[in-house]
Amino acid sequence: SLSLDARNKAIGETIILFHYLFESC
C-alpha cells in the first residue's frame, strides 16, 4: 500500500503495543 497507509495503520495499532507493554512489563 502507500507508505502513509502503512504508517497510519501502525499508528492505529500503537494502543495494542502499549497494552502489551502494560501487561508484560
mmCIF file of all heavy atoms, coordinates in Angstrom:
data_MODEL
# 
_entry.id   MODEL 
# 
loop_
_atom_site.group_PDB 
_atom_site.id 
_atom_site.type_symbol 
_atom_site.label_atom_id 
_atom_site.label_alt_id 
_atom_site.label_comp_id 
_atom_site.label_asym_id 
_atom_site.label_entity_id 
_atom_site.label_seq_id 
_atom_site.pdbx_PDB_ins_code 
_atom_site.Cartn_x 
_atom_site.Cartn_y 
_atom_site.Cartn_z 
_atom_site.occupancy 
_atom_site.B_iso_or_equiv 
_atom_site.pdbx_formal_charge 
_atom_site.auth_seq_id 
_atom_site.auth_comp_id 
_atom_site.auth_asym_id 
_atom_site.auth_atom_id 
_atom_site.pdbx_PDB_model_num 
ATOM 1   N N   . SER A 1 1  ? 0.849  -1.188 0.000  1.00 0.00 ? 1  SER A N   1 
ATOM 2   C CA  . SER A 1 1  ? 0.000  0.000  0.000  1.00 0.00 ? 1  SER A CA  1 
ATOM 3   C C   . SER A 1 1  ? 0.884  1.236  0.000  1.00 0.00 ? 1  SER A C   1 
ATOM 4   O O   . SER A 1 1  ? 2.094  1.144  -0.097 1.00 0.00 ? 1  SER A O   1 
ATOM 5   C CB  . SER A 1 1  ? -0.914 -0.007 1.223  1.00 0.00 ? 1  SER A CB  1 
ATOM 6   O OG  . SER A 1 1  ? -0.129 0.067  2.398  1.00 0.00 ? 1  SER A OG  1 
ATOM 7   N N   . LEU A 1 2  ? 0.279  2.357  0.143  1.00 0.00 ? 2  LEU A N   1 
ATOM 8   C CA  . LEU A 1 2  ? 1.062  3.585  0.245  1.00 0.00 ? 2  LEU A CA  1 
ATOM 9   C C   . LEU A 1 2  ? 1.783  3.628  1.585  1.00 0.00 ? 2  LEU A C   1 
ATOM 10  O O   . LEU A 1 2  ? 1.283  3.122  2.586  1.00 0.00 ? 2  LEU A O   1 
ATOM 11  C CB  . LEU A 1 2  ? 0.149  4.801  0.123  1.00 0.00 ? 2  LEU A CB  1 
ATOM 12  C CG  . LEU A 1 2  ? -0.588 4.962  -1.199 1.00 0.00 ? 2  LEU A CG  1 
ATOM 13  C CD1 . LEU A 1 2  ? -1.574 6.107  -1.107 1.00 0.00 ? 2  LEU A CD1 1 
ATOM 14  C CD2 . LEU A 1 2  ? 0.408  5.199  -2.327 1.00 0.00 ? 2  LEU A CD2 1 
ATOM 15  N N   . SER A 1 3  ? 2.921  4.260  1.607  1.00 0.00 ? 3  SER A N   1 
ATOM 16  C CA  . SER A 1 3  ? 3.692  4.386  2.845  1.00 0.00 ? 3  SER A CA  1 
ATOM 17  C C   . SER A 1 3  ? 2.874  5.067  3.940  1.00 0.00 ? 3  SER A C   1 
ATOM 18  O O   . SER A 1 3  ? 2.949  4.683  5.100  1.00 0.00 ? 3  SER A O   1 
ATOM 19  C CB  . SER A 1 3  ? 4.972  5.167  2.572  1.00 0.00 ? 3  SER A CB  1 
ATOM 20  O OG  . SER A 1 3  ? 5.731  5.297  3.740  1.00 0.00 ? 3  SER A OG  1 
ATOM 21  N N   . LEU A 1 4  ? 2.094  6.065  3.560  1.00 0.00 ? 4  LEU A N   1 
ATOM 22  C CA  . LEU A 1 4  ? 1.265  6.768  4.550  1.00 0.00 ? 4  LEU A CA  1 
ATOM 23  C C   . LEU A 1 4  ? 0.187  5.855  5.119  1.00 0.00 ? 4  LEU A C   1 
ATOM 24  O O   . LEU A 1 4  ? -0.144 5.952  6.298  1.00 0.00 ? 4  LEU A O   1 
ATOM 25  C CB  . LEU A 1 4  ? 0.631  8.013  3.930  1.00 0.00 ? 4  LEU A CB  1 
ATOM 26  C CG  . LEU A 1 4  ? 1.590  9.137  3.571  1.00 0.00 ? 4  LEU A CG  1 
ATOM 27  C CD1 . LEU A 1 4  ? 0.848  10.279 2.883  1.00 0.00 ? 4  LEU A CD1 1 
ATOM 28  C CD2 . LEU A 1 4  ? 2.316  9.638  4.809  1.00 0.00 ? 4  LEU A CD2 1 
ATOM 29  N N   . ASP A 1 5  ? -0.357 4.953  4.299  1.00 0.00 ? 5  ASP A N   1 
ATOM 30  C CA  . ASP A 1 5  ? -1.344 3.994  4.797  1.00 0.00 ? 5  ASP A CA  1 
ATOM 31  C C   . ASP A 1 5  ? -0.711 3.056  5.819  1.00 0.00 ? 5  ASP A C   1 
ATOM 32  O O   . ASP A 1 5  ? -1.318 2.729  6.832  1.00 0.00 ? 5  ASP A O   1 
ATOM 33  C CB  . ASP A 1 5  ? -1.931 3.168  3.655  1.00 0.00 ? 5  ASP A CB  1 
ATOM 34  C CG  . ASP A 1 5  ? -2.927 3.946  2.811  1.00 0.00 ? 5  ASP A CG  1 
ATOM 35  O OD1 . ASP A 1 5  ? -3.331 5.051  3.222  1.00 0.00 ? 5  ASP A OD1 1 
ATOM 36  O OD2 . ASP A 1 5  ? -3.289 3.439  1.733  1.00 0.00 ? 5  ASP A OD2 1 
ATOM 37  N N   . ALA A 1 6  ? 0.503  2.616  5.540  1.00 0.00 ? 6  ALA A N   1 
ATOM 38  C CA  . ALA A 1 6  ? 1.201  1.716  6.463  1.00 0.00 ? 6  ALA A CA  1 
ATOM 39  C C   . ALA A 1 6  ? 1.494  2.421  7.782  1.00 0.00 ? 6  ALA A C   1 
ATOM 40  O O   . ALA A 1 6  ? 1.295  1.854  8.858  1.00 0.00 ? 6  ALA A O   1 
ATOM 41  C CB  . ALA A 1 6  ? 2.498  1.215  5.836  1.00 0.00 ? 6  ALA A CB  1 
ATOM 42  N N   . ARG A 1 7  ? 1.943  3.652  7.699  1.00 0.00 ? 7  ARG A N   1 
ATOM 43  C CA  . ARG A 1 7  ? 2.231  4.400  8.920  1.00 0.00 ? 7  ARG A CA  1 
ATOM 44  C C   . ARG A 1 7  ? 0.940  4.650  9.709  1.00 0.00 ? 7  ARG A C   1 
ATOM 45  O O   . ARG A 1 7  ? 0.907  4.507  10.924 1.00 0.00 ? 7  ARG A O   1 
ATOM 46  C CB  . ARG A 1 7  ? 2.930  5.716  8.604  1.00 0.00 ? 7  ARG A CB  1 
ATOM 47  C CG  . ARG A 1 7  ? 3.304  6.466  9.887  1.00 0.00 ? 7  ARG A CG  1 
ATOM 48  C CD  . ARG A 1 7  ? 4.169  7.637  9.623  1.00 0.00 ? 7  ARG A CD  1 
ATOM 49  N NE  . ARG A 1 7  ? 5.502  7.133  9.329  1.00 0.00 ? 7  ARG A NE  1 
ATOM 50  C CZ  . ARG A 1 7  ? 6.431  7.841  8.723  1.00 0.00 ? 7  ARG A CZ  1 
ATOM 51  N NH1 . ARG A 1 7  ? 6.200  9.062  8.341  1.00 0.00 ? 7  ARG A NH1 1 
ATOM 52  N NH2 . ARG A 1 7  ? 7.616  7.329  8.494  1.00 0.00 ? 7  ARG A NH2 1 
ATOM 53  N N   . ASN A 1 8  ? -0.124 5.008  9.017  1.00 0.00 ? 8  ASN A N   1 
ATOM 54  C CA  . ASN A 1 8  ? -1.412 5.240  9.673  1.00 0.00 ? 8  ASN A CA  1 
ATOM 55  C C   . ASN A 1 8  ? -1.894 3.960  10.359 1.00 0.00 ? 8  ASN A C   1 
ATOM 56  O O   . ASN A 1 8  ? -2.386 3.994  11.487 1.00 0.00 ? 8  ASN A O   1 
ATOM 57  C CB  . ASN A 1 8  ? -2.449 5.725  8.657  1.00 0.00 ? 8  ASN A CB  1 
ATOM 58  C CG  . ASN A 1 8  ? -3.752 6.102  9.323  1.00 0.00 ? 8  ASN A CG  1 
ATOM 59  O OD1 . ASN A 1 8  ? -3.812 7.079  10.053 1.00 0.00 ? 8  ASN A OD1 1 
ATOM 60  N ND2 . ASN A 1 8  ? -4.771 5.308  9.084  1.00 0.00 ? 8  ASN A ND2 1 
ATOM 61  N N   . LYS A 1 9  ? -1.752 2.822  9.678  1.00 0.00 ? 9  LYS A N   1 
ATOM 62  C CA  . LYS A 1 9  ? -2.138 1.525  10.240 1.00 0.00 ? 9  LYS A CA  1 
ATOM 63  C C   . LYS A 1 9  ? -1.339 1.250  11.512 1.00 0.00 ? 9  LYS A C   1 
ATOM 64  O O   . LYS A 1 9  ? -1.895 0.845  12.529 1.00 0.00 ? 9  LYS A O   1 
ATOM 65  C CB  . LYS A 1 9  ? -1.888 0.424  9.199  1.00 0.00 ? 9  LYS A CB  1 
ATOM 66  C CG  . LYS A 1 9  ? -2.217 -0.954 9.658  1.00 0.00 ? 9  LYS A CG  1 
ATOM 67  C CD  . LYS A 1 9  ? -3.689 -1.091 9.692  1.00 0.00 ? 9  LYS A CD  1 
ATOM 68  C CE  . LYS A 1 9  ? -4.151 -2.507 9.705  1.00 0.00 ? 9  LYS A CE  1 
ATOM 69  N NZ  . LYS A 1 9  ? -5.574 -2.554 9.989  1.00 0.00 ? 9  LYS A NZ  1 
ATOM 70  N N   . ALA A 1 10 ? -0.043 1.468  11.453 1.00 0.00 ? 10 ALA A N   1 
ATOM 71  C CA  . ALA A 1 10 ? 0.822  1.227  12.618 1.00 0.00 ? 10 ALA A CA  1 
ATOM 72  C C   . ALA A 1 10 ? 0.478  2.185  13.758 1.00 0.00 ? 10 ALA A C   1 
ATOM 73  O O   . ALA A 1 10 ? 0.452  1.780  14.919 1.00 0.00 ? 10 ALA A O   1 
ATOM 74  C CB  . ALA A 1 10 ? 2.278  1.368  12.223 1.00 0.00 ? 10 ALA A CB  1 
ATOM 75  N N   . ILE A 1 11 ? 0.205  3.439  13.440 1.00 0.00 ? 11 ILE A N   1 
ATOM 76  C CA  . ILE A 1 11 ? -0.179 4.401  14.489 1.00 0.00 ? 11 ILE A CA  1 
ATOM 77  C C   . ILE A 1 11 ? -1.487 3.957  15.137 1.00 0.00 ? 11 ILE A C   1 
ATOM 78  O O   . ILE A 1 11 ? -1.645 4.023  16.354 1.00 0.00 ? 11 ILE A O   1 
ATOM 79  C CB  . ILE A 1 11 ? -0.264 5.828  13.918 1.00 0.00 ? 11 ILE A CB  1 
ATOM 80  C CG1 . ILE A 1 11 ? 1.142  6.342  13.612 1.00 0.00 ? 11 ILE A CG1 1 
ATOM 81  C CG2 . ILE A 1 11 ? -0.983 6.775  14.887 1.00 0.00 ? 11 ILE A CG2 1 
ATOM 82  C CD1 . ILE A 1 11 ? 1.193  7.661  12.874 1.00 0.00 ? 11 ILE A CD1 1 
ATOM 83  N N   . GLY A 1 12 ? -2.408 3.448  14.335 1.00 0.00 ? 12 GLY A N   1 
ATOM 84  C CA  . GLY A 1 12 ? -3.661 2.940  14.883 1.00 0.00 ? 12 GLY A CA  1 
ATOM 85  C C   . GLY A 1 12 ? -3.473 1.737  15.785 1.00 0.00 ? 12 GLY A C   1 
ATOM 86  O O   . GLY A 1 12 ? -4.287 1.494  16.685 1.00 0.00 ? 12 GLY A O   1 
ATOM 87  N N   . GLU A 1 13 ? -2.409 0.989  15.581 1.00 0.00 ? 13 GLU A N   1 
ATOM 88  C CA  . GLU A 1 13 ? -2.133 -0.188 16.406 1.00 0.00 ? 13 GLU A CA  1 
ATOM 89  C C   . GLU A 1 13 ? -1.196 0.108  17.578 1.00 0.00 ? 13 GLU A C   1 
ATOM 90  O O   . GLU A 1 13 ? -0.871 -0.787 18.349 1.00 0.00 ? 13 GLU A O   1 
ATOM 91  C CB  . GLU A 1 13 ? -1.540 -1.307 15.545 1.00 0.00 ? 13 GLU A CB  1 
ATOM 92  C CG  . GLU A 1 13 ? -2.538 -1.893 14.563 1.00 0.00 ? 13 GLU A CG  1 
ATOM 93  C CD  . GLU A 1 13 ? -2.009 -3.100 13.818 1.00 0.00 ? 13 GLU A CD  1 
ATOM 94  O OE1 . GLU A 1 13 ? -0.851 -3.494 14.025 1.00 0.00 ? 13 GLU A OE1 1 
ATOM 95  O OE2 . GLU A 1 13 ? -2.776 -3.657 13.019 1.00 0.00 ? 13 GLU A OE2 1 
ATOM 96  N N   . THR A 1 14 ? -0.790 1.351  17.739 1.00 0.00 ? 14 THR A N   1 
ATOM 97  C CA  . THR A 1 14 ? 0.098  1.709  18.849 1.00 0.00 ? 14 THR A CA  1 
ATOM 98  C C   . THR A 1 14 ? -0.540 1.372  20.193 1.00 0.00 ? 14 THR A C   1 
ATOM 99  O O   . THR A 1 14 ? 0.152  0.989  21.135 1.00 0.00 ? 14 THR A O   1 
ATOM 100 C CB  . THR A 1 14 ? 0.461  3.210  18.795 1.00 0.00 ? 14 THR A CB  1 
ATOM 101 O OG1 . THR A 1 14 ? 0.976  3.514  17.510 1.00 0.00 ? 14 THR A OG1 1 
ATOM 102 C CG2 . THR A 1 14 ? 1.504  3.563  19.836 1.00 0.00 ? 14 THR A CG2 1 
ATOM 103 N N   . ILE A 1 15 ? -1.841 1.474  20.280 1.00 0.00 ? 15 ILE A N   1 
ATOM 104 C CA  . ILE A 1 15 ? -2.515 1.171  21.554 1.00 0.00 ? 15 ILE A CA  1 
ATOM 105 C C   . ILE A 1 15 ? -2.388 -0.320 21.893 1.00 0.00 ? 15 ILE A C   1 
ATOM 106 O O   . ILE A 1 15 ? -2.330 -0.684 23.064 1.00 0.00 ? 15 ILE A O   1 
ATOM 107 C CB  . ILE A 1 15 ? -3.981 1.653  21.554 1.00 0.00 ? 15 ILE A CB  1 
ATOM 108 C CG1 . ILE A 1 15 ? -4.457 1.786  22.985 1.00 0.00 ? 15 ILE A CG1 1 
ATOM 109 C CG2 . ILE A 1 15 ? -4.869 0.760  20.698 1.00 0.00 ? 15 ILE A CG2 1 
ATOM 110 C CD1 . ILE A 1 15 ? -5.579 2.750  23.188 1.00 0.00 ? 15 ILE A CD1 1 
ATOM 111 N N   . ILE A 1 16 ? -2.322 -1.176 20.875 1.00 0.00 ? 16 ILE A N   1 
ATOM 112 C CA  . ILE A 1 16 ? -2.107 -2.613 21.124 1.00 0.00 ? 16 ILE A CA  1 
ATOM 113 C C   . ILE A 1 16 ? -0.721 -2.812 21.720 1.00 0.00 ? 16 ILE A C   1 
ATOM 114 O O   . ILE A 1 16 ? -0.555 -3.523 22.719 1.00 0.00 ? 16 ILE A O   1 
ATOM 115 C CB  . ILE A 1 16 ? -2.251 -3.431 19.822 1.00 0.00 ? 16 ILE A CB  1 
ATOM 116 C CG1 . ILE A 1 16 ? -3.662 -3.304 19.262 1.00 0.00 ? 16 ILE A CG1 1 
ATOM 117 C CG2 . ILE A 1 16 ? -1.890 -4.899 20.069 1.00 0.00 ? 16 ILE A CG2 1 
ATOM 118 C CD1 . ILE A 1 16 ? -3.813 -3.873 17.862 1.00 0.00 ? 16 ILE A CD1 1 
ATOM 119 N N   . LEU A 1 17 ? 0.274  -2.177 21.120 1.00 0.00 ? 17 LEU A N   1 
ATOM 120 C CA  . LEU A 1 17 ? 1.642  -2.267 21.635 1.00 0.00 ? 17 LEU A CA  1 
ATOM 121 C C   . LEU A 1 17 ? 1.709  -1.767 23.072 1.00 0.00 ? 17 LEU A C   1 
ATOM 122 O O   . LEU A 1 17 ? 2.311  -2.416 23.940 1.00 0.00 ? 17 LEU A O   1 
ATOM 123 C CB  . LEU A 1 17 ? 2.597  -1.463 20.751 1.00 0.00 ? 17 LEU A CB  1 
ATOM 124 C CG  . LEU A 1 17 ? 4.031  -1.305 21.254 1.00 0.00 ? 17 LEU A CG  1 
ATOM 125 C CD1 . LEU A 1 17 ? 4.691  -2.663 21.442 1.00 0.00 ? 17 LEU A CD1 1 
ATOM 126 C CD2 . LEU A 1 17 ? 4.825  -0.443 20.290 1.00 0.00 ? 17 LEU A CD2 1 
ATOM 127 N N   . PHE A 1 18 ? 1.075  -0.626 23.347 1.00 0.00 ? 18 PHE A N   1 
ATOM 128 C CA  . PHE A 1 18 ? 1.117  -0.067 24.698 1.00 0.00 ? 18 PHE A CA  1 
ATOM 129 C C   . PHE A 1 18 ? 0.421  -0.998 25.689 1.00 0.00 ? 18 PHE A C   1 
ATOM 130 O O   . PHE A 1 18 ? 0.903  -1.202 26.807 1.00 0.00 ? 18 PHE A O   1 
ATOM 131 C CB  . PHE A 1 18 ? 0.484  1.326  24.710 1.00 0.00 ? 18 PHE A CB  1 
ATOM 132 C CG  . PHE A 1 18 ? 0.859  2.148  25.901 1.00 0.00 ? 18 PHE A CG  1 
ATOM 133 C CD1 . PHE A 1 18 ? 2.138  2.670  26.019 1.00 0.00 ? 18 PHE A CD1 1 
ATOM 134 C CD2 . PHE A 1 18 ? -0.059 2.408  26.906 1.00 0.00 ? 18 PHE A CD2 1 
ATOM 135 C CE1 . PHE A 1 18 ? 2.493  3.436  27.118 1.00 0.00 ? 18 PHE A CE1 1 
ATOM 136 C CE2 . PHE A 1 18 ? 0.288  3.169  28.009 1.00 0.00 ? 18 PHE A CE2 1 
ATOM 137 C CZ  . PHE A 1 18 ? 1.564  3.681  28.109 1.00 0.00 ? 18 PHE A CZ  1 
ATOM 138 N N   . HIS A 1 19 ? -0.685 -1.578 25.274 1.00 0.00 ? 19 HIS A N   1 
ATOM 139 C CA  . HIS A 1 19 ? -1.388 -2.538 26.137 1.00 0.00 ? 19 HIS A CA  1 
ATOM 140 C C   . HIS A 1 19 ? -0.489 -3.744 26.424 1.00 0.00 ? 19 HIS A C   1 
ATOM 141 O O   . HIS A 1 19 ? -0.410 -4.213 27.559 1.00 0.00 ? 19 HIS A O   1 
ATOM 142 C CB  . HIS A 1 19 ? -2.694 -2.996 25.484 1.00 0.00 ? 19 HIS A CB  1 
ATOM 143 C CG  . HIS A 1 19 ? -3.352 -4.116 26.202 1.00 0.00 ? 19 HIS A CG  1 
ATOM 144 N ND1 . HIS A 1 19 ? -4.018 -3.949 27.390 1.00 0.00 ? 19 HIS A ND1 1 
ATOM 145 C CD2 . HIS A 1 19 ? -3.413 -5.446 25.913 1.00 0.00 ? 19 HIS A CD2 1 
ATOM 146 C CE1 . HIS A 1 19 ? -4.477 -5.125 27.802 1.00 0.00 ? 19 HIS A CE1 1 
ATOM 147 N NE2 . HIS A 1 19 ? -4.110 -6.041 26.923 1.00 0.00 ? 19 HIS A NE2 1 
ATOM 148 N N   . TYR A 1 20 ? 0.189  -4.253 25.391 1.00 0.00 ? 20 TYR A N   1 
ATOM 149 C CA  . TYR A 1 20 ? 1.098  -5.382 25.589 1.00 0.00 ? 20 TYR A CA  1 
ATOM 150 C C   . TYR A 1 20 ? 2.242  -5.012 26.536 1.00 0.00 ? 20 TYR A C   1 
ATOM 151 O O   . TYR A 1 20 ? 2.639  -5.817 27.378 1.00 0.00 ? 20 TYR A O   1 
ATOM 152 C CB  . TYR A 1 20 ? 1.662  -5.865 24.263 1.00 0.00 ? 20 TYR A CB  1 
ATOM 153 C CG  . TYR A 1 20 ? 0.704  -6.681 23.418 1.00 0.00 ? 20 TYR A CG  1 
ATOM 154 C CD1 . TYR A 1 20 ? -0.600 -6.970 23.817 1.00 0.00 ? 20 TYR A CD1 1 
ATOM 155 C CD2 . TYR A 1 20 ? 1.110  -7.172 22.192 1.00 0.00 ? 20 TYR A CD2 1 
ATOM 156 C CE1 . TYR A 1 20 ? -1.453 -7.713 23.039 1.00 0.00 ? 20 TYR A CE1 1 
ATOM 157 C CE2 . TYR A 1 20 ? 0.268  -7.928 21.395 1.00 0.00 ? 20 TYR A CE2 1 
ATOM 158 C CZ  . TYR A 1 20 ? -1.019 -8.202 21.825 1.00 0.00 ? 20 TYR A CZ  1 
ATOM 159 O OH  . TYR A 1 20 ? -1.845 -8.959 21.046 1.00 0.00 ? 20 TYR A OH  1 
ATOM 160 N N   . LEU A 1 21 ? 2.767  -3.805 26.391 1.00 0.00 ? 21 LEU A N   1 
ATOM 161 C CA  . LEU A 1 21 ? 3.812  -3.354 27.323 1.00 0.00 ? 21 LEU A CA  1 
ATOM 162 C C   . LEU A 1 21 ? 3.270  -3.269 28.737 1.00 0.00 ? 21 LEU A C   1 
ATOM 163 O O   . LEU A 1 21 ? 3.924  -3.697 29.693 1.00 0.00 ? 21 LEU A O   1 
ATOM 164 C CB  . LEU A 1 21 ? 4.360  -1.992 26.879 1.00 0.00 ? 21 LEU A CB  1 
ATOM 165 C CG  . LEU A 1 21 ? 5.254  -2.007 25.653 1.00 0.00 ? 21 LEU A CG  1 
ATOM 166 C CD1 . LEU A 1 21 ? 5.376  -0.595 25.077 1.00 0.00 ? 21 LEU A CD1 1 
ATOM 167 C CD2 . LEU A 1 21 ? 6.621  -2.564 25.982 1.00 0.00 ? 21 LEU A CD2 1 
ATOM 168 N N   . PHE A 1 22 ? 2.072  -2.742 28.882 1.00 0.00 ? 22 PHE A N   1 
ATOM 169 C CA  . PHE A 1 22 ? 1.425  -2.620 30.197 1.00 0.00 ? 22 PHE A CA  1 
ATOM 170 C C   . PHE A 1 22 ? 1.277  -4.000 30.844 1.00 0.00 ? 22 PHE A C   1 
ATOM 171 O O   . PHE A 1 22 ? 1.572  -4.174 32.024 1.00 0.00 ? 22 PHE A O   1 
ATOM 172 C CB  . PHE A 1 22 ? 0.061  -1.951 30.048 1.00 0.00 ? 22 PHE A CB  1 
ATOM 173 C CG  . PHE A 1 22 ? -0.708 -1.839 31.323 1.00 0.00 ? 22 PHE A CG  1 
ATOM 174 C CD1 . PHE A 1 22 ? -0.475 -0.802 32.204 1.00 0.00 ? 22 PHE A CD1 1 
ATOM 175 C CD2 . PHE A 1 22 ? -1.675 -2.791 31.650 1.00 0.00 ? 22 PHE A CD2 1 
ATOM 176 C CE1 . PHE A 1 22 ? -1.186 -0.702 33.384 1.00 0.00 ? 22 PHE A CE1 1 
ATOM 177 C CE2 . PHE A 1 22 ? -2.380 -2.688 32.840 1.00 0.00 ? 22 PHE A CE2 1 
ATOM 178 C CZ  . PHE A 1 22 ? -2.140 -1.643 33.722 1.00 0.00 ? 22 PHE A CZ  1 
ATOM 179 N N   . GLU A 1 23 ? 0.823  -4.967 30.070 1.00 0.00 ? 23 GLU A N   1 
ATOM 180 C CA  . GLU A 1 23 ? 0.583  -6.312 30.610 1.00 0.00 ? 23 GLU A CA  1 
ATOM 181 C C   . GLU A 1 23 ? 1.859  -7.108 30.850 1.00 0.00 ? 23 GLU A C   1 
ATOM 182 O O   . GLU A 1 23 ? 1.949  -7.858 31.805 1.00 0.00 ? 23 GLU A O   1 
ATOM 183 C CB  . GLU A 1 23 ? -0.332 -7.107 29.673 1.00 0.00 ? 23 GLU A CB  1 
ATOM 184 C CG  . GLU A 1 23 ? -1.747 -6.595 29.617 1.00 0.00 ? 23 GLU A CG  1 
ATOM 185 C CD  . GLU A 1 23 ? -2.498 -6.766 30.929 1.00 0.00 ? 23 GLU A CD  1 
ATOM 186 O OE1 . GLU A 1 23 ? -2.228 -7.723 31.679 1.00 0.00 ? 23 GLU A OE1 1 
ATOM 187 O OE2 . GLU A 1 23 ? -3.352 -5.898 31.211 1.00 0.00 ? 23 GLU A OE2 1 
ATOM 188 N N   . SER A 1 24 ? 2.847  -6.951 29.981 1.00 0.00 ? 24 SER A N   1 
ATOM 189 C CA  . SER A 1 24 ? 4.022  -7.824 30.063 1.00 0.00 ? 24 SER A CA  1 
ATOM 190 C C   . SER A 1 24 ? 5.182  -7.233 30.867 1.00 0.00 ? 24 SER A C   1 
ATOM 191 O O   . SER A 1 24 ? 6.057  -7.987 31.289 1.00 0.00 ? 24 SER A O   1 
ATOM 192 C CB  . SER A 1 24 ? 4.530  -8.176 28.658 1.00 0.00 ? 24 SER A CB  1 
ATOM 193 O OG  . SER A 1 24 ? 4.974  -7.041 27.978 1.00 0.00 ? 24 SER A OG  1 
ATOM 194 N N   . CYS A 1 25 ? 5.193  -5.951 31.090 1.00 0.00 ? 25 CYS A N   1 
ATOM 195 C CA  . CYS A 1 25 ? 6.337  -5.314 31.776 1.00 0.00 ? 25 CYS A CA  1 
ATOM 196 C C   . CYS A 1 25 ? 5.992  -4.971 33.213 1.00 0.00 ? 25 CYS A C   1 
ATOM 197 O O   . CYS A 1 25 ? 5.870  -3.803 33.582 1.00 0.00 ? 25 CYS A O   1 
ATOM 198 C CB  . CYS A 1 25 ? 6.788  -4.074 31.008 1.00 0.00 ? 25 CYS A CB  1 
ATOM 199 S SG  . CYS A 1 25 ? 7.343  -4.439 29.342 1.00 0.00 ? 25 CYS A SG  1 
# 
